[in-house]
């Protein structure tokens, strides 16, 4: 049954429904609220611990793909295998060789590639203006 116009579920509401294949789904809103709360608490911890903006952004980016990511003072710990210390550069990643370390190192390479691409795109109009004059 659909909710009347203007009425919505509030965050934390317990919901239950059946799919067309008779699967029963429950608790989706409570789970989402819990996840959002954990993310906000993690962000608040980082700010109160004096973590740099770069460190906070790195944590959020890694956490999007690897949920087993937490703060240990100012260090980022990924899958209990990789520790990233300030100033949060690729050379600050320590851990045993494996998928977690490889994933974190790949993240740093991707970010650097993105920065190079953005700089190149920003310089393109300047080059075109110089050529046209």
N, C-alpha and C. Protein backbone atom coordinates (compact mmCIF):
# COMPACT_ATOMS: atom_id res chain seq x y z
N UNK A 1 0.84 -1.18 0.00
CA UNK A 1 0.00 0.00 0.00
C UNK A 1 0.89 1.24 0.00
N UNK A 2 0.65 2.15 -0.87
CA UNK A 2 1.45 3.37 -0.97
C UNK A 2 1.03 4.36 0.10
N UNK A 3 2.00 5.14 0.54
CA UNK A 3 1.71 6.18 1.53
C UNK A 3 0.98 7.33 0.84
N UNK A 4 0.05 7.97 1.54
CA UNK A 4 -0.65 9.12 0.96
C UNK A 4 0.36 10.22 0.60
N UNK A 5 0.05 11.06 -0.37
CA UNK A 5 0.96 12.13 -0.77
C UNK A 5 1.40 12.96 0.45
N UNK A 6 2.69 13.25 0.51
CA UNK A 6 3.22 14.07 1.60
C UNK A 6 3.60 13.27 2.83
N UNK A 7 3.33 11.96 2.86
CA UNK A 7 3.70 11.14 4.00
C UNK A 7 4.84 10.22 3.60
N UNK A 8 5.86 10.16 4.43
CA UNK A 8 7.04 9.36 4.15
C UNK A 8 7.43 8.60 5.40
N UNK A 9 8.30 7.61 5.20
CA UNK A 9 8.86 6.91 6.34
C UNK A 9 9.92 7.79 6.97
N UNK A 10 10.01 7.81 8.28
CA UNK A 10 11.07 8.56 8.92
C UNK A 10 12.30 7.67 9.06
N UNK A 11 13.47 8.30 9.17
CA UNK A 11 14.70 7.55 9.33
C UNK A 11 14.60 6.71 10.58
N UNK A 12 15.01 5.46 10.48
CA UNK A 12 14.92 4.55 11.60
C UNK A 12 13.66 3.72 11.62
N UNK A 13 12.72 4.00 10.72
CA UNK A 13 11.48 3.23 10.66
C UNK A 13 11.79 1.79 10.29
N UNK A 14 11.08 0.88 10.89
CA UNK A 14 11.18 -0.53 10.53
C UNK A 14 10.16 -0.79 9.43
N UNK A 15 10.62 -1.36 8.35
CA UNK A 15 9.72 -1.67 7.25
C UNK A 15 9.80 -3.15 6.94
N UNK A 16 8.75 -3.66 6.36
CA UNK A 16 8.69 -5.05 5.95
C UNK A 16 7.84 -5.13 4.70
N UNK A 17 8.32 -5.89 3.72
CA UNK A 17 7.53 -6.07 2.50
C UNK A 17 7.92 -7.39 1.85
N UNK A 18 7.14 -7.78 0.86
CA UNK A 18 7.43 -8.98 0.08
C UNK A 18 7.64 -8.56 -1.37
N UNK A 19 8.66 -9.15 -1.98
CA UNK A 19 8.91 -8.87 -3.39
C UNK A 19 7.97 -9.71 -4.23
N UNK A 20 7.98 -9.48 -5.53
CA UNK A 20 7.12 -10.27 -6.42
C UNK A 20 7.56 -11.73 -6.47
N UNK A 21 8.78 -12.03 -5.99
CA UNK A 21 9.22 -13.43 -5.90
C UNK A 21 9.04 -13.98 -4.49
N UNK A 22 8.20 -13.32 -3.71
CA UNK A 22 7.87 -13.74 -2.34
C UNK A 22 9.05 -13.72 -1.38
N UNK A 23 10.05 -12.87 -1.66
CA UNK A 23 11.14 -12.68 -0.71
C UNK A 23 10.70 -11.63 0.29
N UNK A 24 11.00 -11.87 1.56
CA UNK A 24 10.62 -10.92 2.60
C UNK A 24 11.83 -10.02 2.91
N UNK A 25 11.63 -8.72 2.84
CA UNK A 25 12.67 -7.74 3.12
C UNK A 25 12.28 -6.98 4.38
N UNK A 26 13.25 -6.79 5.27
CA UNK A 26 12.96 -6.07 6.51
C UNK A 26 14.12 -5.18 6.89
N UNK A 27 13.80 -4.14 7.63
CA UNK A 27 14.80 -3.33 8.32
C UNK A 27 15.67 -2.44 7.47
N UNK A 28 15.37 -2.24 6.22
CA UNK A 28 16.22 -1.45 5.34
C UNK A 28 16.48 -0.05 5.87
N UNK A 29 15.46 0.65 6.33
CA UNK A 29 15.65 2.03 6.80
C UNK A 29 16.49 2.07 8.07
N UNK A 30 16.32 1.10 8.96
CA UNK A 30 17.12 1.07 10.18
C UNK A 30 18.58 0.83 9.84
N UNK A 31 18.84 -0.04 8.89
CA UNK A 31 20.21 -0.33 8.48
C UNK A 31 20.86 0.90 7.86
N UNK A 32 20.14 1.58 7.01
CA UNK A 32 20.66 2.79 6.36
C UNK A 32 20.94 3.87 7.39
N UNK A 33 20.06 4.04 8.34
CA UNK A 33 20.25 5.05 9.39
C UNK A 33 21.48 4.71 10.23
N UNK A 34 21.65 3.44 10.55
CA UNK A 34 22.81 3.02 11.34
C UNK A 34 24.12 3.29 10.58
N UNK A 35 24.13 2.97 9.29
CA UNK A 35 25.32 3.20 8.47
C UNK A 35 25.65 4.69 8.40
N UNK A 36 24.64 5.52 8.17
CA UNK A 36 24.87 6.96 8.10
C UNK A 36 25.38 7.50 9.44
N UNK A 37 24.83 7.00 10.53
CA UNK A 37 25.27 7.43 11.85
C UNK A 37 26.73 7.07 12.08
N UNK A 38 27.12 5.84 11.70
CA UNK A 38 28.51 5.41 11.86
C UNK A 38 29.46 6.28 11.04
N UNK A 39 29.04 6.63 9.83
CA UNK A 39 29.87 7.48 8.97
C UNK A 39 30.05 8.88 9.58
N UNK A 40 28.97 9.43 10.11
CA UNK A 40 29.04 10.77 10.74
C UNK A 40 29.91 10.73 11.99
N UNK A 41 29.80 9.69 12.79
CA UNK A 41 30.64 9.56 13.99
C UNK A 41 32.10 9.44 13.62
N UNK A 42 32.39 8.70 12.56
CA UNK A 42 33.76 8.55 12.10
C UNK A 42 34.32 9.88 11.65
N UNK A 43 33.52 10.64 10.93
CA UNK A 43 33.94 11.96 10.45
C UNK A 43 34.15 12.90 11.63
N UNK A 44 33.27 12.88 12.60
CA UNK A 44 33.40 13.72 13.78
C UNK A 44 34.67 13.36 14.56
N UNK A 45 34.97 12.06 14.66
CA UNK A 45 36.18 11.63 15.35
C UNK A 45 37.42 12.21 14.65
N UNK A 46 37.45 12.10 13.33
CA UNK A 46 38.60 12.58 12.57
C UNK A 46 38.81 14.07 12.78
N UNK A 47 37.73 14.82 12.77
CA UNK A 47 37.84 16.27 12.96
C UNK A 47 38.35 16.57 14.36
N UNK A 48 37.79 15.90 15.37
CA UNK A 48 38.20 16.16 16.75
C UNK A 48 39.63 15.71 17.02
N UNK A 49 40.11 14.71 16.26
CA UNK A 49 41.49 14.23 16.44
C UNK A 49 42.49 15.10 15.69
N UNK A 50 42.00 16.06 14.92
CA UNK A 50 42.89 16.97 14.21
C UNK A 50 43.43 16.39 12.90
N UNK A 51 42.70 15.46 12.31
CA UNK A 51 43.10 14.86 11.05
C UNK A 51 42.95 15.90 9.94
N UNK A 52 43.93 15.96 9.04
CA UNK A 52 43.89 16.92 7.94
C UNK A 52 42.72 16.62 7.01
N UNK A 53 42.36 17.62 6.22
CA UNK A 53 41.28 17.46 5.24
C UNK A 53 41.64 16.34 4.25
N UNK A 54 42.91 16.26 3.85
CA UNK A 54 43.35 15.21 2.94
C UNK A 54 43.12 13.83 3.55
N UNK A 55 43.43 13.69 4.84
CA UNK A 55 43.23 12.43 5.53
C UNK A 55 41.75 12.06 5.61
N UNK A 56 40.91 13.05 5.90
CA UNK A 56 39.47 12.80 5.96
C UNK A 56 38.93 12.37 4.60
N UNK A 57 39.37 13.04 3.54
CA UNK A 57 38.91 12.71 2.20
C UNK A 57 39.39 11.32 1.79
N UNK A 58 40.63 10.99 2.14
CA UNK A 58 41.16 9.67 1.83
C UNK A 58 40.35 8.59 2.53
N UNK A 59 40.06 8.80 3.81
CA UNK A 59 39.27 7.83 4.56
C UNK A 59 37.91 7.62 3.90
N UNK A 60 37.23 8.71 3.56
CA UNK A 60 35.90 8.60 2.95
C UNK A 60 35.96 7.87 1.61
N UNK A 61 36.98 8.15 0.82
CA UNK A 61 37.11 7.51 -0.48
C UNK A 61 37.36 6.02 -0.34
N UNK A 62 38.26 5.64 0.56
CA UNK A 62 38.55 4.22 0.77
C UNK A 62 37.32 3.53 1.34
N UNK A 63 36.66 4.19 2.28
CA UNK A 63 35.50 3.58 2.95
C UNK A 63 34.35 3.30 1.99
N UNK A 64 34.28 4.03 0.88
CA UNK A 64 33.22 3.78 -0.10
C UNK A 64 33.35 2.40 -0.71
N UNK A 65 34.59 1.92 -0.87
CA UNK A 65 34.79 0.61 -1.50
C UNK A 65 35.21 -0.47 -0.52
N UNK A 66 35.81 -0.09 0.59
CA UNK A 66 36.20 -1.07 1.61
C UNK A 66 35.59 -0.61 2.93
N UNK A 67 34.52 -1.28 3.34
CA UNK A 67 33.82 -0.88 4.57
C UNK A 67 34.65 -1.14 5.83
N UNK A 68 35.56 -2.08 5.78
CA UNK A 68 36.42 -2.39 6.93
C UNK A 68 37.57 -1.39 6.97
N UNK A 69 37.22 -0.17 7.32
CA UNK A 69 38.16 0.95 7.34
C UNK A 69 37.84 1.76 8.59
N UNK A 70 38.84 2.00 9.43
CA UNK A 70 38.57 2.72 10.68
C UNK A 70 39.74 3.62 11.04
N UNK A 71 39.48 4.49 12.00
CA UNK A 71 40.50 5.37 12.54
C UNK A 71 41.16 4.71 13.74
N UNK A 72 42.48 4.89 13.85
CA UNK A 72 43.22 4.51 15.04
C UNK A 72 44.10 5.72 15.35
N UNK A 73 43.60 6.56 16.23
CA UNK A 73 44.15 7.90 16.46
C UNK A 73 44.11 8.65 15.14
N UNK A 74 45.26 9.09 14.59
CA UNK A 74 45.25 9.80 13.30
C UNK A 74 45.56 8.87 12.13
N UNK A 75 45.70 7.59 12.39
CA UNK A 75 46.03 6.63 11.35
C UNK A 75 44.76 5.99 10.79
N UNK A 76 44.79 5.68 9.51
CA UNK A 76 43.69 4.96 8.87
C UNK A 76 44.09 3.50 8.81
N UNK A 77 43.23 2.63 9.30
CA UNK A 77 43.49 1.19 9.28
C UNK A 77 42.48 0.54 8.35
N UNK A 78 43.00 -0.17 7.34
CA UNK A 78 42.15 -0.80 6.33
C UNK A 78 42.26 -2.31 6.46
N UNK A 79 41.13 -2.95 6.71
CA UNK A 79 41.04 -4.41 6.80
C UNK A 79 42.04 -5.01 7.79
N UNK A 80 42.37 -4.26 8.82
CA UNK A 80 43.32 -4.72 9.84
C UNK A 80 44.66 -5.12 9.23
N UNK A 81 44.91 -4.72 7.97
CA UNK A 81 46.14 -5.12 7.28
C UNK A 81 47.00 -3.95 6.84
N UNK A 82 46.37 -2.82 6.57
CA UNK A 82 47.09 -1.67 6.04
C UNK A 82 46.90 -0.49 6.99
N UNK A 83 48.02 0.19 7.30
CA UNK A 83 47.97 1.39 8.13
C UNK A 83 48.52 2.55 7.30
N UNK A 84 47.74 3.62 7.22
CA UNK A 84 48.15 4.81 6.49
C UNK A 84 48.33 5.91 7.53
N UNK A 85 49.54 6.43 7.62
CA UNK A 85 49.85 7.46 8.61
C UNK A 85 49.92 8.83 7.93
N UNK A 86 49.75 9.91 8.73
CA UNK A 86 49.90 11.24 8.15
C UNK A 86 51.29 11.39 7.55
N UNK A 87 51.42 12.10 6.45
CA UNK A 87 50.47 12.97 5.76
C UNK A 87 49.65 12.27 4.69
N UNK A 88 49.43 10.96 4.82
CA UNK A 88 48.49 10.21 3.99
C UNK A 88 48.88 10.17 2.51
N UNK A 89 50.14 9.89 2.26
CA UNK A 89 50.63 9.72 0.89
C UNK A 89 50.93 8.23 0.67
N UNK A 90 51.19 7.85 -0.58
CA UNK A 90 51.42 6.44 -0.89
C UNK A 90 52.59 5.87 -0.09
N UNK A 91 53.61 6.68 0.15
CA UNK A 91 54.76 6.19 0.91
C UNK A 91 54.44 6.02 2.40
N UNK A 92 53.27 6.49 2.84
CA UNK A 92 52.85 6.35 4.23
C UNK A 92 51.97 5.12 4.44
N UNK A 93 51.84 4.28 3.41
CA UNK A 93 51.04 3.04 3.50
C UNK A 93 51.95 1.90 3.93
N UNK A 94 51.60 1.26 5.01
CA UNK A 94 52.39 0.14 5.51
C UNK A 94 51.46 -1.06 5.69
N UNK A 95 51.92 -2.21 5.29
CA UNK A 95 51.13 -3.42 5.47
C UNK A 95 51.72 -4.55 4.68
N UNK A 96 51.23 -5.74 4.96
CA UNK A 96 51.73 -6.89 4.22
C UNK A 96 51.22 -6.83 2.79
N UNK A 97 52.02 -7.33 1.86
CA UNK A 97 51.63 -7.33 0.47
C UNK A 97 50.34 -8.13 0.31
N UNK A 98 49.45 -7.63 -0.47
CA UNK A 98 48.19 -8.33 -0.68
C UNK A 98 47.15 -7.41 -1.24
N UNK A 99 45.93 -7.88 -1.27
CA UNK A 99 44.87 -7.14 -1.94
C UNK A 99 44.57 -5.81 -1.28
N UNK A 100 44.57 -5.74 0.06
CA UNK A 100 44.24 -4.47 0.72
C UNK A 100 45.29 -3.42 0.41
N UNK A 101 46.57 -3.76 0.54
CA UNK A 101 47.63 -2.80 0.25
C UNK A 101 47.60 -2.41 -1.23
N UNK A 102 47.41 -3.39 -2.10
CA UNK A 102 47.34 -3.10 -3.54
C UNK A 102 46.19 -2.16 -3.85
N UNK A 103 45.05 -2.38 -3.21
CA UNK A 103 43.88 -1.54 -3.44
C UNK A 103 44.14 -0.10 -3.00
N UNK A 104 44.77 0.07 -1.85
CA UNK A 104 45.06 1.41 -1.34
C UNK A 104 46.08 2.10 -2.25
N UNK A 105 47.11 1.38 -2.67
CA UNK A 105 48.11 1.96 -3.57
C UNK A 105 47.47 2.34 -4.91
N UNK A 106 46.54 1.51 -5.40
CA UNK A 106 45.83 1.82 -6.64
C UNK A 106 45.02 3.10 -6.47
N UNK A 107 44.40 3.26 -5.30
CA UNK A 107 43.65 4.48 -5.04
C UNK A 107 44.54 5.71 -5.21
N UNK A 108 45.74 5.66 -4.64
CA UNK A 108 46.66 6.80 -4.75
C UNK A 108 47.03 7.06 -6.20
N UNK A 109 47.29 6.01 -6.98
CA UNK A 109 47.62 6.19 -8.40
C UNK A 109 46.44 6.81 -9.14
N UNK A 110 45.22 6.34 -8.85
CA UNK A 110 44.03 6.88 -9.51
C UNK A 110 43.83 8.36 -9.19
N UNK A 111 44.03 8.73 -7.93
CA UNK A 111 43.88 10.13 -7.52
C UNK A 111 44.92 11.00 -8.23
N UNK A 112 46.15 10.52 -8.31
CA UNK A 112 47.20 11.28 -8.98
C UNK A 112 46.89 11.42 -10.47
N UNK A 113 46.41 10.37 -11.10
CA UNK A 113 46.04 10.43 -12.52
C UNK A 113 44.92 11.44 -12.73
N UNK A 114 43.94 11.45 -11.82
CA UNK A 114 42.83 12.39 -11.91
C UNK A 114 43.31 13.83 -11.79
N UNK A 115 44.26 14.07 -10.88
CA UNK A 115 44.81 15.43 -10.71
C UNK A 115 45.54 15.87 -11.98
N UNK A 116 46.30 14.98 -12.58
CA UNK A 116 47.03 15.30 -13.81
C UNK A 116 46.05 15.62 -14.92
N UNK A 117 44.99 14.82 -15.04
CA UNK A 117 43.97 15.06 -16.06
C UNK A 117 43.28 16.41 -15.85
N UNK A 118 42.95 16.73 -14.60
CA UNK A 118 42.29 18.01 -14.31
C UNK A 118 43.22 19.19 -14.63
N UNK A 119 44.50 19.07 -14.30
CA UNK A 119 45.45 20.14 -14.62
C UNK A 119 45.57 20.32 -16.12
N UNK A 120 45.61 19.20 -16.84
CA UNK A 120 45.71 19.24 -18.29
C UNK A 120 44.49 19.91 -18.90
N UNK A 121 43.30 19.58 -18.40
CA UNK A 121 42.07 20.18 -18.91
C UNK A 121 42.00 21.66 -18.58
N UNK A 122 42.52 22.05 -17.43
CA UNK A 122 42.52 23.46 -17.03
C UNK A 122 43.48 24.27 -17.90
N UNK A 123 44.57 23.64 -18.33
CA UNK A 123 45.56 24.35 -19.14
C UNK A 123 45.17 24.43 -20.61
N UNK A 124 44.28 23.55 -21.06
CA UNK A 124 43.89 23.50 -22.46
C UNK A 124 43.34 24.84 -22.97
N UNK A 125 42.40 25.50 -22.27
CA UNK A 125 41.90 26.79 -22.77
C UNK A 125 43.02 27.85 -22.86
N UNK A 126 43.98 27.80 -21.92
CA UNK A 126 45.09 28.74 -21.95
C UNK A 126 45.95 28.51 -23.20
N UNK A 127 46.20 27.25 -23.54
CA UNK A 127 46.99 26.93 -24.72
C UNK A 127 46.27 27.38 -25.97
N UNK A 128 44.96 27.14 -26.04
CA UNK A 128 44.18 27.54 -27.22
C UNK A 128 44.15 29.06 -27.36
N UNK A 129 44.06 29.77 -26.24
CA UNK A 129 44.06 31.24 -26.28
C UNK A 129 45.41 31.76 -26.77
N UNK A 130 46.50 31.14 -26.33
CA UNK A 130 47.83 31.55 -26.74
C UNK A 130 48.05 31.29 -28.24
N UNK A 131 47.51 30.19 -28.73
CA UNK A 131 47.66 29.85 -30.15
C UNK A 131 46.83 30.78 -31.04
N UNK A 132 45.70 31.23 -30.57
CA UNK A 132 44.81 32.08 -31.38
C UNK A 132 45.27 33.54 -31.39
N UNK A 133 46.17 33.93 -30.50
CA UNK A 133 46.60 35.33 -30.50
C UNK A 133 47.85 35.54 -31.29
